[in-house]
Amino acid sequence: EEGVTREDFIISQKAQLLDMVYLQQDAFDDVDVSVPMERQQALLSL
């Protein structure tokens, strides 16, 4: 981590958050297993 700037570190954290929150989806959760497009739009804006 010492070899990158604070700005680059923030970018890596944002990319990891996007990956874990938006790209991953729990197939065994009754809610997260299926997300209609309206909710996808709202989450994308968030």
All heavy atoms as atom14 arrays in JSON, in Angstrom:
{
  "sequence": "EEGVTREDFIISQKAQLLDMVYLQQDAFDDVDVSVPMERQQALLSL",
  "atom14_mask": [
    [1, 1, 1, 1, 1, 1, 1, 1, 1, 0, 0, 0, 0, 0],
    [1, 1, 1, 1, 1, 1, 1, 1, 1, 0, 0, 0, 0, 0],
    [1, 1, 1, 1, 0, 0, 0, 0, 0, 0, 0, 0, 0, 0],
    [1, 1, 1, 1, 1, 1, 1, 0, 0, 0, 0, 0, 0, 0],
    [1, 1, 1, 1, 1, 1, 1, 0, 0, 0, 0, 0, 0, 0],
    [1, 1, 1, 1, 1, 1, 1, 1, 1, 1, 1, 0, 0, 0],
    [1, 1, 1, 1, 1, 1, 1, 1, 1, 0, 0, 0, 0, 0],
    [1, 1, 1, 1, 1, 1, 1, 1, 0, 0, 0, 0, 0, 0],
    [1, 1, 1, 1, 1, 1, 1, 1, 1, 1, 1, 0, 0, 0],
    [1, 1, 1, 1, 1, 1, 1, 1, 0, 0, 0, 0, 0, 0],
    [1, 1, 1, 1, 1, 1, 1, 1, 0, 0, 0, 0, 0, 0],
    [1, 1, 1, 1, 1, 1, 0, 0, 0, 0, 0, 0, 0, 0],
    [1, 1, 1, 1, 1, 1, 1, 1, 1, 0, 0, 0, 0, 0],
    [1, 1, 1, 1, 1, 1, 1, 1, 1, 0, 0, 0, 0, 0],
    [1, 1, 1, 1, 1, 0, 0, 0, 0, 0, 0, 0, 0, 0],
    [1, 1, 1, 1, 1, 1, 1, 1, 1, 0, 0, 0, 0, 0],
    [1, 1, 1, 1, 1, 1, 1, 1, 0, 0, 0, 0, 0, 0],
    [1, 1, 1, 1, 1, 1, 1, 1, 0, 0, 0, 0, 0, 0],
    [1, 1, 1, 1, 1, 1, 1, 1, 0, 0, 0, 0, 0, 0],
    [1, 1, 1, 1, 1, 1, 1, 1, 0, 0, 0, 0, 0, 0],
    [1, 1, 1, 1, 1, 1, 1, 0, 0, 0, 0, 0, 0, 0],
    [1, 1, 1, 1, 1, 1, 1, 1, 1, 1, 1, 1, 0, 0],
    [1, 1, 1, 1, 1, 1, 1, 1, 0, 0, 0, 0, 0, 0],
    [1, 1, 1, 1, 1, 1, 1, 1, 1, 0, 0, 0, 0, 0],
    [1, 1, 1, 1, 1, 1, 1, 1, 1, 0, 0, 0, 0, 0],
    [1, 1, 1, 1, 1, 1, 1, 1, 0, 0, 0, 0, 0, 0],
    [1, 1, 1, 1, 1, 0, 0, 0, 0, 0, 0, 0, 0, 0],
    [1, 1, 1, 1, 1, 1, 1, 1, 1, 1, 1, 0, 0, 0],
    [1, 1, 1, 1, 1, 1, 1, 1, 0, 0, 0, 0, 0, 0],
    [1, 1, 1, 1, 1, 1, 1, 1, 0, 0, 0, 0, 0, 0],
    [1, 1, 1, 1, 1, 1, 1, 0, 0, 0, 0, 0, 0, 0],
    [1, 1, 1, 1, 1, 1, 1, 1, 0, 0, 0, 0, 0, 0],
    [1, 1, 1, 1, 1, 1, 1, 0, 0, 0, 0, 0, 0, 0],
    [1, 1, 1, 1, 1, 1, 0, 0, 0, 0, 0, 0, 0, 0],
    [1, 1, 1, 1, 1, 1, 1, 0, 0, 0, 0, 0, 0, 0],
    [1, 1, 1, 1, 1, 1, 1, 0, 0, 0, 0, 0, 0, 0],
    [1, 1, 1, 1, 1, 1, 1, 1, 0, 0, 0, 0, 0, 0],
    [1, 1, 1, 1, 1, 1, 1, 1, 1, 0, 0, 0, 0, 0],
    [1, 1, 1, 1, 1, 1, 1, 1, 1, 1, 1, 0, 0, 0],
    [1, 1, 1, 1, 1, 1, 1, 1, 1, 0, 0, 0, 0, 0],
    [1, 1, 1, 1, 1, 1, 1, 1, 1, 0, 0, 0, 0, 0],
    [1, 1, 1, 1, 1, 0, 0, 0, 0, 0, 0, 0, 0, 0],
    [1, 1, 1, 1, 1, 1, 1, 1, 0, 0, 0, 0, 0, 0],
    [1, 1, 1, 1, 1, 1, 1, 1, 0, 0, 0, 0, 0, 0],
    [1, 1, 1, 1, 1, 1, 0, 0, 0, 0, 0, 0, 0, 0],
    [1, 1, 1, 1, 1, 1, 1, 1, 0, 0, 0, 0, 0, 0]
  ],
  "atom14_positions": [
    [[0.83, -1.21, 0.0], [0.0, 0.0, 0.0], [0.86, 1.25, 0.0], [0.44, 2.31, -0.5], [-0.93, 0.01, 1.21], [-2.01, -1.07, 1.17], [-2.92, -1.0, 2.38], [-2.71, -0.12, 3.23], [-3.84, -1.84, 2.47], [0.0, 0.0, 0.0], [0.0, 0.0, 0.0], [0.0, 0.0, 0.0], [0.0, 0.0, 0.0], [0.0, 0.0, 0.0]],
    [[2.08, 1.15, 0.57], [2.95, 2.34, 0.64], [3.41, 2.78, -0.73], [3.82, 3.94, -0.91], [4.17, 2.04, 1.52], [3.86, 1.66, 2.96], [3.41, 0.22, 3.09], [3.53, -0.54, 2.09], [2.92, -0.15, 4.17], [0.0, 0.0, 0.0], [0.0, 0.0, 0.0], [0.0, 0.0, 0.0], [0.0, 0.0, 0.0], [0.0, 0.0, 0.0]],
    [[3.33, 1.9, -1.71], [3.85, 2.23, -3.04], [2.86, 2.93, -3.94], [3.18, 3.21, -5.11], [0.0, 0.0, 0.0], [0.0, 0.0, 0.0], [0.0, 0.0, 0.0], [0.0, 0.0, 0.0], [0.0, 0.0, 0.0], [0.0, 0.0, 0.0], [0.0, 0.0, 0.0], [0.0, 0.0, 0.0], [0.0, 0.0, 0.0], [0.0, 0.0, 0.0]],
    [[1.65, 3.2, -3.45], [0.67, 3.9, -4.28], [0.22, 5.17, -3.55], [0.29, 5.26, -2.32], [-0.56, 3.01, -4.58], [-0.15, 1.8, -5.37], [-1.29, 2.61, -3.31], [0.0, 0.0, 0.0], [0.0, 0.0, 0.0], [0.0, 0.0, 0.0], [0.0, 0.0, 0.0], [0.0, 0.0, 0.0], [0.0, 0.0, 0.0], [0.0, 0.0, 0.0]],
    [[-0.24, 6.12, -4.31], [-0.71, 7.38, -3.72], [-2.06, 7.17, -3.05], [-2.75, 6.17, -3.26], [-0.86, 8.45, -4.81], [-1.87, 8.03, -5.74], [0.46, 8.65, -5.57], [0.0, 0.0, 0.0], [0.0, 0.0, 0.0], [0.0, 0.0, 0.0], [0.0, 0.0, 0.0], [0.0, 0.0, 0.0], [0.0, 0.0, 0.0], [0.0, 0.0, 0.0]],
    [[-2.43, 8.16, -2.23], [-3.73, 8.11, -1.56], [-4.86, 8.08, -2.59], [-5.85, 7.35, -2.42], [-3.88, 9.31, -0.64], [-5.21, 9.35, 0.13], [-5.26, 10.58, 1.04], [-6.44, 10.56, 1.89], [-7.63, 11.03, 1.53], [-7.79, 11.55, 0.31], [-8.65, 10.99, 2.36], [0.0, 0.0, 0.0], [0.0, 0.0, 0.0], [0.0, 0.0, 0.0]],
    [[-4.72, 8.86, -3.66], [-5.77, 8.92, -4.68], [-5.94, 7.55, -5.36], [-7.07, 7.09, -5.58], [-5.42, 9.98, -5.74], [-5.52, 11.42, -5.25], [-4.37, 11.8, -4.32], [-3.33, 11.08, -4.32], [-4.52, 12.8, -3.59], [0.0, 0.0, 0.0], [0.0, 0.0, 0.0], [0.0, 0.0, 0.0], [0.0, 0.0, 0.0], [0.0, 0.0, 0.0]],
    [[-4.82, 6.9, -5.68], [-4.92, 5.58, -6.3], [-5.5, 4.55, -5.33], [-6.26, 3.65, -5.73], [-3.54, 5.12, -6.79], [-3.13, 5.77, -8.1], [-4.0, 6.45, -8.71], [-1.97, 5.62, -8.51], [0.0, 0.0, 0.0], [0.0, 0.0, 0.0], [0.0, 0.0, 0.0], [0.0, 0.0, 0.0], [0.0, 0.0, 0.0], [0.0, 0.0, 0.0]],
    [[-5.14, 4.67, -4.07], [-5.68, 3.73, -3.08], [-7.2, 3.89, -2.96], [-7.93, 2.9, -2.85], [-5.02, 3.98, -1.72], [-5.44, 3.0, -0.66], [-4.98, 1.69, -0.68], [-6.33, 3.38, 0.34], [-5.37, 0.79, 0.29], [-6.73, 2.49, 1.31], [-6.26, 1.18, 1.29], [0.0, 0.0, 0.0], [0.0, 0.0, 0.0], [0.0, 0.0, 0.0]],
    [[-7.67, 5.13, -3.02], [-9.12, 5.38, -2.96], [-9.8, 4.76, -4.18], [-10.88, 4.15, -4.07], [-9.41, 6.89, -2.88], [-8.99, 7.43, -1.5], [-10.88, 7.19, -3.14], [-9.1, 8.94, -1.37], [0.0, 0.0, 0.0], [0.0, 0.0, 0.0], [0.0, 0.0, 0.0], [0.0, 0.0, 0.0], [0.0, 0.0, 0.0], [0.0, 0.0, 0.0]],
    [[-9.18, 4.87, -5.35], [-9.75, 4.27, -6.56], [-9.87, 2.76, -6.41], [-10.89, 2.15, -6.76], [-8.9, 4.63, -7.79], [-9.05, 6.12, -8.14], [-9.29, 3.77, -9.01], [-8.11, 6.61, -9.22], [0.0, 0.0, 0.0], [0.0, 0.0, 0.0], [0.0, 0.0, 0.0], [0.0, 0.0, 0.0], [0.0, 0.0, 0.0], [0.0, 0.0, 0.0]],
    [[-8.83, 2.13, -5.85], [-8.88, 0.67, -5.67], [-9.98, 0.28, -4.69], [-10.65, -0.74, -4.86], [-7.53, 0.15, -5.19], [-7.31, 0.45, -3.83], [0.0, 0.0, 0.0], [0.0, 0.0, 0.0], [0.0, 0.0, 0.0], [0.0, 0.0, 0.0], [0.0, 0.0, 0.0], [0.0, 0.0, 0.0], [0.0, 0.0, 0.0], [0.0, 0.0, 0.0]],
    [[-10.18, 1.1, -3.65], [-11.24, 0.82, -2.68], [-12.62, 0.98, -3.31], [-13.55, 0.2, -3.05], [-11.09, 1.74, -1.46], [-9.89, 1.44, -0.59], [-9.99, 0.09, 0.09], [-10.97, -0.21, 0.75], [-8.97, -0.75, -0.1], [0.0, 0.0, 0.0], [0.0, 0.0, 0.0], [0.0, 0.0, 0.0], [0.0, 0.0, 0.0], [0.0, 0.0, 0.0]],
    [[-12.78, 1.99, -4.14], [-14.06, 2.19, -4.83], [-14.35, 1.03, -5.79], [-15.5, 0.57, -5.88], [-14.03, 3.52, -5.6], [-14.06, 4.76, -4.72], [-13.98, 6.02, -5.55], [-14.1, 7.27, -4.68], [-13.99, 8.52, -5.47], [0.0, 0.0, 0.0], [0.0, 0.0, 0.0], [0.0, 0.0, 0.0], [0.0, 0.0, 0.0], [0.0, 0.0, 0.0]],
    [[-13.33, 0.58, -6.52], [-13.52, -0.54, -7.44], [-13.9, -1.81, -6.68], [-14.78, -2.57, -7.11], [-12.25, -0.76, -8.25], [0.0, 0.0, 0.0], [0.0, 0.0, 0.0], [0.0, 0.0, 0.0], [0.0, 0.0, 0.0], [0.0, 0.0, 0.0], [0.0, 0.0, 0.0], [0.0, 0.0, 0.0], [0.0, 0.0, 0.0], [0.0, 0.0, 0.0]],
    [[-13.27, -2.02, -5.51], [-13.59, -3.2, -4.72], [-15.01, -3.12, -4.17], [-15.75, -4.11, -4.15], [-12.59, -3.32, -3.56], [-12.8, -4.57, -2.71], [-11.73, -4.73, -1.66], [-10.58, -4.34, -1.86], [-12.09, -5.29, -0.52], [0.0, 0.0, 0.0], [0.0, 0.0, 0.0], [0.0, 0.0, 0.0], [0.0, 0.0, 0.0], [0.0, 0.0, 0.0]],
    [[-15.43, -1.92, -3.76], [-16.81, -1.74, -3.27], [-17.81, -2.02, -4.38], [-18.81, -2.71, -4.17], [-16.97, -0.31, -2.74], [-18.35, 0.06, -2.19], [-18.21, 0.98, -0.97], [-19.2, 0.77, -3.23], [0.0, 0.0, 0.0], [0.0, 0.0, 0.0], [0.0, 0.0, 0.0], [0.0, 0.0, 0.0], [0.0, 0.0, 0.0], [0.0, 0.0, 0.0]],
    [[-17.55, -1.5, -5.59], [-18.45, -1.74, -6.73], [-18.54, -3.24, -7.02], [-19.63, -3.77, -7.27], [-17.93, -0.99, -7.96], [-18.68, -1.23, -9.27], [-20.12, -0.75, -9.18], [-17.96, -0.54, -10.44], [0.0, 0.0, 0.0], [0.0, 0.0, 0.0], [0.0, 0.0, 0.0], [0.0, 0.0, 0.0], [0.0, 0.0, 0.0], [0.0, 0.0, 0.0]],
    [[-17.42, -3.93, -6.96], [-17.38, -5.36, -7.22], [-18.21, -6.12, -6.19], [-19.07, -6.94, -6.52], [-15.94, -5.84, -7.21], [-15.78, -7.27, -7.74], [-16.8, -7.98, -7.84], [-14.64, -7.66, -8.05], [0.0, 0.0, 0.0], [0.0, 0.0, 0.0], [0.0, 0.0, 0.0], [0.0, 0.0, 0.0], [0.0, 0.0, 0.0], [0.0, 0.0, 0.0]],
    [[-17.98, -5.84, -4.92], [-18.61, -6.61, -3.86], [-20.1, -6.31, -3.71], [-20.89, -7.19, -3.37], [-17.89, -6.36, -2.52], [-16.43, -6.81, -2.53], [-15.67, -6.76, -0.91], [-16.49, -8.12, -0.1], [0.0, 0.0, 0.0], [0.0, 0.0, 0.0], [0.0, 0.0, 0.0], [0.0, 0.0, 0.0], [0.0, 0.0, 0.0], [0.0, 0.0, 0.0]],
    [[-20.49, -5.07, -3.99], [-21.89, -4.68, -3.78], [-22.75, -4.9, -5.01], [-23.88, -5.39, -4.91], [-21.96, -3.2, -3.33], [-23.41, -2.72, -3.27], [-21.28, -3.01, -1.99], [0.0, 0.0, 0.0], [0.0, 0.0, 0.0], [0.0, 0.0, 0.0], [0.0, 0.0, 0.0], [0.0, 0.0, 0.0], [0.0, 0.0, 0.0], [0.0, 0.0, 0.0]],
    [[-22.23, -4.55, -6.18], [-23.06, -4.58, -7.39], [-22.87, -5.85, -8.2], [-23.85, -6.44, -8.7], [-22.79, -3.36, -8.26], [-23.93, -3.05, -9.2], [-24.97, -2.22, -8.8], [-23.99, -3.59, -10.47], [-26.04, -1.94, -9.64], [-25.06, -3.32, -11.31], [-26.07, -2.49, -10.9], [-27.14, -2.23, -11.73], [0.0, 0.0, 0.0], [0.0, 0.0, 0.0]],
    [[-21.63, -6.28, -8.35], [-21.37, -7.44, -9.22], [-21.68, -8.76, -8.53], [-22.06, -9.73, -9.19], [-19.91, -7.44, -9.7], [-19.44, -6.21, -10.47], [-18.06, -6.47, -11.06], [-20.42, -5.83, -11.57], [0.0, 0.0, 0.0], [0.0, 0.0, 0.0], [0.0, 0.0, 0.0], [0.0, 0.0, 0.0], [0.0, 0.0, 0.0], [0.0, 0.0, 0.0]],
    [[-21.52, -8.81, -7.22], [-21.81, -10.05, -6.5], [-23.28, -10.08, -6.1], [-23.88, -9.04, -5.79], [-20.92, -10.16, -5.27], [-19.44, -10.31, -5.63], [-18.55, -10.36, -4.41], [-18.81, -11.09, -3.46], [-17.49, -9.56, -4.43], [0.0, 0.0, 0.0], [0.0, 0.0, 0.0], [0.0, 0.0, 0.0], [0.0, 0.0, 0.0], [0.0, 0.0, 0.0]],
    [[-23.84, -11.27, -6.1], [-25.27, -11.44, -5.82], [-25.47, -12.78, -5.14], [-24.94, -13.8, -5.6], [-26.06, -11.35, -7.13], [-27.53, -11.02, -6.96], [-28.15, -10.57, -8.28], [-27.46, -10.06, -9.16], [-29.45, -10.74, -8.41], [0.0, 0.0, 0.0], [0.0, 0.0, 0.0], [0.0, 0.0, 0.0], [0.0, 0.0, 0.0], [0.0, 0.0, 0.0]],
    [[-26.23, -12.79, -4.07], [-26.41, -13.99, -3.26], [-27.54, -14.85, -3.82], [-28.71, -14.49, -3.73], [-26.71, -13.6, -1.81], [-26.59, -14.77, -0.86], [-26.69, -15.92, -1.33], [-26.41, -14.54, 0.35], [0.0, 0.0, 0.0], [0.0, 0.0, 0.0], [0.0, 0.0, 0.0], [0.0, 0.0, 0.0], [0.0, 0.0, 0.0], [0.0, 0.0, 0.0]],
    [[-27.19, -16.01, -4.39], [-28.18, -16.89, -5.01], [-29.05, -17.58, -3.98], [-30.08, -18.16, -4.33], [-27.49, -17.94, -5.88], [0.0, 0.0, 0.0], [0.0, 0.0, 0.0], [0.0, 0.0, 0.0], [0.0, 0.0, 0.0], [0.0, 0.0, 0.0], [0.0, 0.0, 0.0], [0.0, 0.0, 0.0], [0.0, 0.0, 0.0], [0.0, 0.0, 0.0]],
    [[-28.66, -17.53, -2.7], [-29.4, -18.24, -1.67], [-30.13, -17.3, -0.71], [-30.61, -17.73, 0.33], [-28.45, -19.16, -0.89], [-27.8, -20.2, -1.76], [-26.53, -20.01, -2.25], [-28.48, -21.35, -2.12], [-25.93, -20.95, -3.08], [-27.9, -22.29, -2.95], [-26.62, -22.1, -3.43], [0.0, 0.0, 0.0], [0.0, 0.0, 0.0], [0.0, 0.0, 0.0]],
    [[-30.2, -16.03, -1.09], [-30.98, -15.06, -0.32], [-32.28, -14.77, -1.07], [-32.26, -14.51, -2.28], [-30.19, -13.77, -0.12], [-30.96, -12.75, 0.71], [-30.97, -12.88, 1.94], [-31.57, -11.84, 0.11], [0.0, 0.0, 0.0], [0.0, 0.0, 0.0], [0.0, 0.0, 0.0], [0.0, 0.0, 0.0], [0.0, 0.0, 0.0], [0.0, 0.0, 0.0]],
    [[-33.4, -14.82, -0.36], [-34.7, -14.67, -1.02], [-34.87, -13.33, -1.71], [-35.64, -13.21, -2.67], [-35.83, -14.86, 0.01], [-35.9, -16.29, 0.52], [-35.37, -17.18, -0.18], [-36.46, -16.52, 1.62], [0.0, 0.0, 0.0], [0.0, 0.0, 0.0], [0.0, 0.0, 0.0], [0.0, 0.0, 0.0], [0.0, 0.0, 0.0], [0.0, 0.0, 0.0]],
    [[-34.18, -12.29, -1.22], [-34.33, -10.94, -1.8], [-33.27, -10.7, -2.87], [-33.58, -10.28, -3.99], [-34.23, -9.86, -0.7], [-34.24, -8.46, -1.31], [-35.38, -10.01, 0.3], [0.0, 0.0, 0.0], [0.0, 0.0, 0.0], [0.0, 0.0, 0.0], [0.0, 0.0, 0.0], [0.0, 0.0, 0.0], [0.0, 0.0, 0.0], [0.0, 0.0, 0.0]],
    [[-32.01, -10.98, -2.54], [-30.92, -10.63, -3.44], [-30.82, -11.55, -4.64], [-30.16, -11.22, -5.63], [-29.6, -10.66, -2.66], [-28.49, -9.88, -3.36], [-28.81, -8.82, -3.96], [-27.33, -10.31, -3.31], [0.0, 0.0, 0.0], [0.0, 0.0, 0.0], [0.0, 0.0, 0.0], [0.0, 0.0, 0.0], [0.0, 0.0, 0.0], [0.0, 0.0, 0.0]],
    [[-31.49, -12.71, -4.61], [-31.38, -13.67, -5.7], [-31.93, -13.1, -7.01], [-31.46, -13.48, -8.1], [-32.1, -14.98, -5.33], [-33.6, -14.76, -5.19], [-31.81, -16.07, -6.35], [0.0, 0.0, 0.0], [0.0, 0.0, 0.0], [0.0, 0.0, 0.0], [0.0, 0.0, 0.0], [0.0, 0.0, 0.0], [0.0, 0.0, 0.0], [0.0, 0.0, 0.0]],
    [[-32.9, -12.21, -6.93], [-33.54, -11.68, -8.14], [-33.8, -10.19, -7.95], [-34.54, -9.79, -7.05], [-34.86, -12.42, -8.4], [-35.55, -11.85, -9.49], [0.0, 0.0, 0.0], [0.0, 0.0, 0.0], [0.0, 0.0, 0.0], [0.0, 0.0, 0.0], [0.0, 0.0, 0.0], [0.0, 0.0, 0.0], [0.0, 0.0, 0.0], [0.0, 0.0, 0.0]],
    [[-33.18, -9.37, -8.81], [-33.27, -7.92, -8.67], [-33.88, -7.33, -9.94], [-33.25, -7.36, -11.0], [-31.89, -7.29, -8.42], [-32.01, -5.8, -8.2], [-31.21, -7.95, -7.22], [0.0, 0.0, 0.0], [0.0, 0.0, 0.0], [0.0, 0.0, 0.0], [0.0, 0.0, 0.0], [0.0, 0.0, 0.0], [0.0, 0.0, 0.0], [0.0, 0.0, 0.0]],
    [[-35.12, -6.8, -9.87], [-35.73, -6.21, -11.07], [-34.96, -4.98, -11.54], [-34.2, -4.37, -10.78], [-37.15, -5.86, -10.6], [-37.06, -5.78, -9.12], [-36.0, -6.74, -8.7], [0.0, 0.0, 0.0], [0.0, 0.0, 0.0], [0.0, 0.0, 0.0], [0.0, 0.0, 0.0], [0.0, 0.0, 0.0], [0.0, 0.0, 0.0], [0.0, 0.0, 0.0]],
    [[-35.17, -4.62, -12.8], [-34.39, -3.54, -13.41], [-34.58, -2.22, -12.68], [-33.65, -1.42, -12.56], [-34.8, -3.39, -14.88], [-33.75, -2.72, -15.74], [-32.25, -3.72, -15.88], [-31.0, -2.45, -16.02], [0.0, 0.0, 0.0], [0.0, 0.0, 0.0], [0.0, 0.0, 0.0], [0.0, 0.0, 0.0], [0.0, 0.0, 0.0], [0.0, 0.0, 0.0]],
    [[-35.77, -1.98, -12.14], [-36.02, -0.72, -11.43], [-35.1, -0.59, -10.22], [-34.52, 0.46, -9.95], [-37.49, -0.66, -10.99], [-37.86, 0.64, -10.29], [-39.3, 0.62, -9.79], [-39.96, -0.44, -9.91], [-39.75, 1.66, -9.27], [0.0, 0.0, 0.0], [0.0, 0.0, 0.0], [0.0, 0.0, 0.0], [0.0, 0.0, 0.0], [0.0, 0.0, 0.0]],
    [[-34.95, -1.7, -9.49], [-34.06, -1.67, -8.32], [-32.6, -1.6, -8.76], [-31.77, -0.97, -8.08], [-34.31, -2.9, -7.45], [-33.46, -2.91, -6.2], [-33.96, -3.88, -5.15], [-33.11, -3.84, -3.97], [-33.37, -4.45, -2.82], [-34.5, -5.16, -2.69], [-32.54, -4.37, -1.8], [0.0, 0.0, 0.0], [0.0, 0.0, 0.0], [0.0, 0.0, 0.0]],
    [[-32.25, -2.24, -9.86], [-30.88, -2.13, -10.37], [-30.54, -0.69, -10.7], [-29.44, -0.21, -10.42], [-30.72, -3.01, -11.61], [-30.76, -4.51, -11.34], [-30.48, -5.34, -12.58], [-29.61, -4.98, -13.38], [-31.19, -6.43, -12.75], [0.0, 0.0, 0.0], [0.0, 0.0, 0.0], [0.0, 0.0, 0.0], [0.0, 0.0, 0.0], [0.0, 0.0, 0.0]],
    [[-31.48, 0.03, -11.32], [-31.26, 1.44, -11.64], [-31.01, 2.26, -10.38], [-30.09, 3.09, -10.34], [-32.48, 2.01, -12.38], [-32.59, 1.6, -13.83], [-33.81, 2.25, -14.45], [-34.92, 1.71, -14.41], [-33.63, 3.43, -14.99], [0.0, 0.0, 0.0], [0.0, 0.0, 0.0], [0.0, 0.0, 0.0], [0.0, 0.0, 0.0], [0.0, 0.0, 0.0]],
    [[-31.84, 2.02, -9.35], [-31.69, 2.79, -8.11], [-30.34, 2.51, -7.46], [-29.66, 3.43, -6.98], [-32.83, 2.44, -7.15], [0.0, 0.0, 0.0], [0.0, 0.0, 0.0], [0.0, 0.0, 0.0], [0.0, 0.0, 0.0], [0.0, 0.0, 0.0], [0.0, 0.0, 0.0], [0.0, 0.0, 0.0], [0.0, 0.0, 0.0], [0.0, 0.0, 0.0]],
    [[-29.95, 1.22, -7.43], [-28.66, 0.88, -6.82], [-27.5, 1.44, -7.62], [-26.51, 1.9, -7.05], [-28.54, -0.64, -6.71], [-27.25, -1.16, -6.05], [-27.11, -0.62, -4.63], [-27.21, -2.69, -6.05], [0.0, 0.0, 0.0], [0.0, 0.0, 0.0], [0.0, 0.0, 0.0], [0.0, 0.0, 0.0], [0.0, 0.0, 0.0], [0.0, 0.0, 0.0]],
    [[-27.62, 1.43, -8.95], [-26.55, 1.98, -9.79], [-26.37, 3.47, -9.51], [-25.24, 3.96, -9.4], [-26.84, 1.73, -11.27], [-25.68, 2.03, -12.21], [-24.66, 0.91, -12.14], [-26.15, 2.2, -13.65], [0.0, 0.0, 0.0], [0.0, 0.0, 0.0], [0.0, 0.0, 0.0], [0.0, 0.0, 0.0], [0.0, 0.0, 0.0], [0.0, 0.0, 0.0]],
    [[-27.47, 4.19, -9.4], [-27.38, 5.63, -9.1], [-26.74, 5.85, -7.74], [-25.93, 6.77, -7.56], [-28.77, 6.26, -9.14], [-29.34, 6.16, -10.43], [0.0, 0.0, 0.0], [0.0, 0.0, 0.0], [0.0, 0.0, 0.0], [0.0, 0.0, 0.0], [0.0, 0.0, 0.0], [0.0, 0.0, 0.0], [0.0, 0.0, 0.0], [0.0, 0.0, 0.0]],
    [[-27.1, 5.01, -6.76], [-26.5, 5.12, -5.43], [-25.01, 4.82, -5.48], [-24.2, 5.5, -4.85], [-27.21, 4.17, -4.47], [-26.73, 4.16, -3.02], [-26.88, 5.55, -2.4], [-27.51, 3.14, -2.21], [0.0, 0.0, 0.0], [0.0, 0.0, 0.0], [0.0, 0.0, 0.0], [0.0, 0.0, 0.0], [0.0, 0.0, 0.0], [0.0, 0.0, 0.0]]
  ]
}
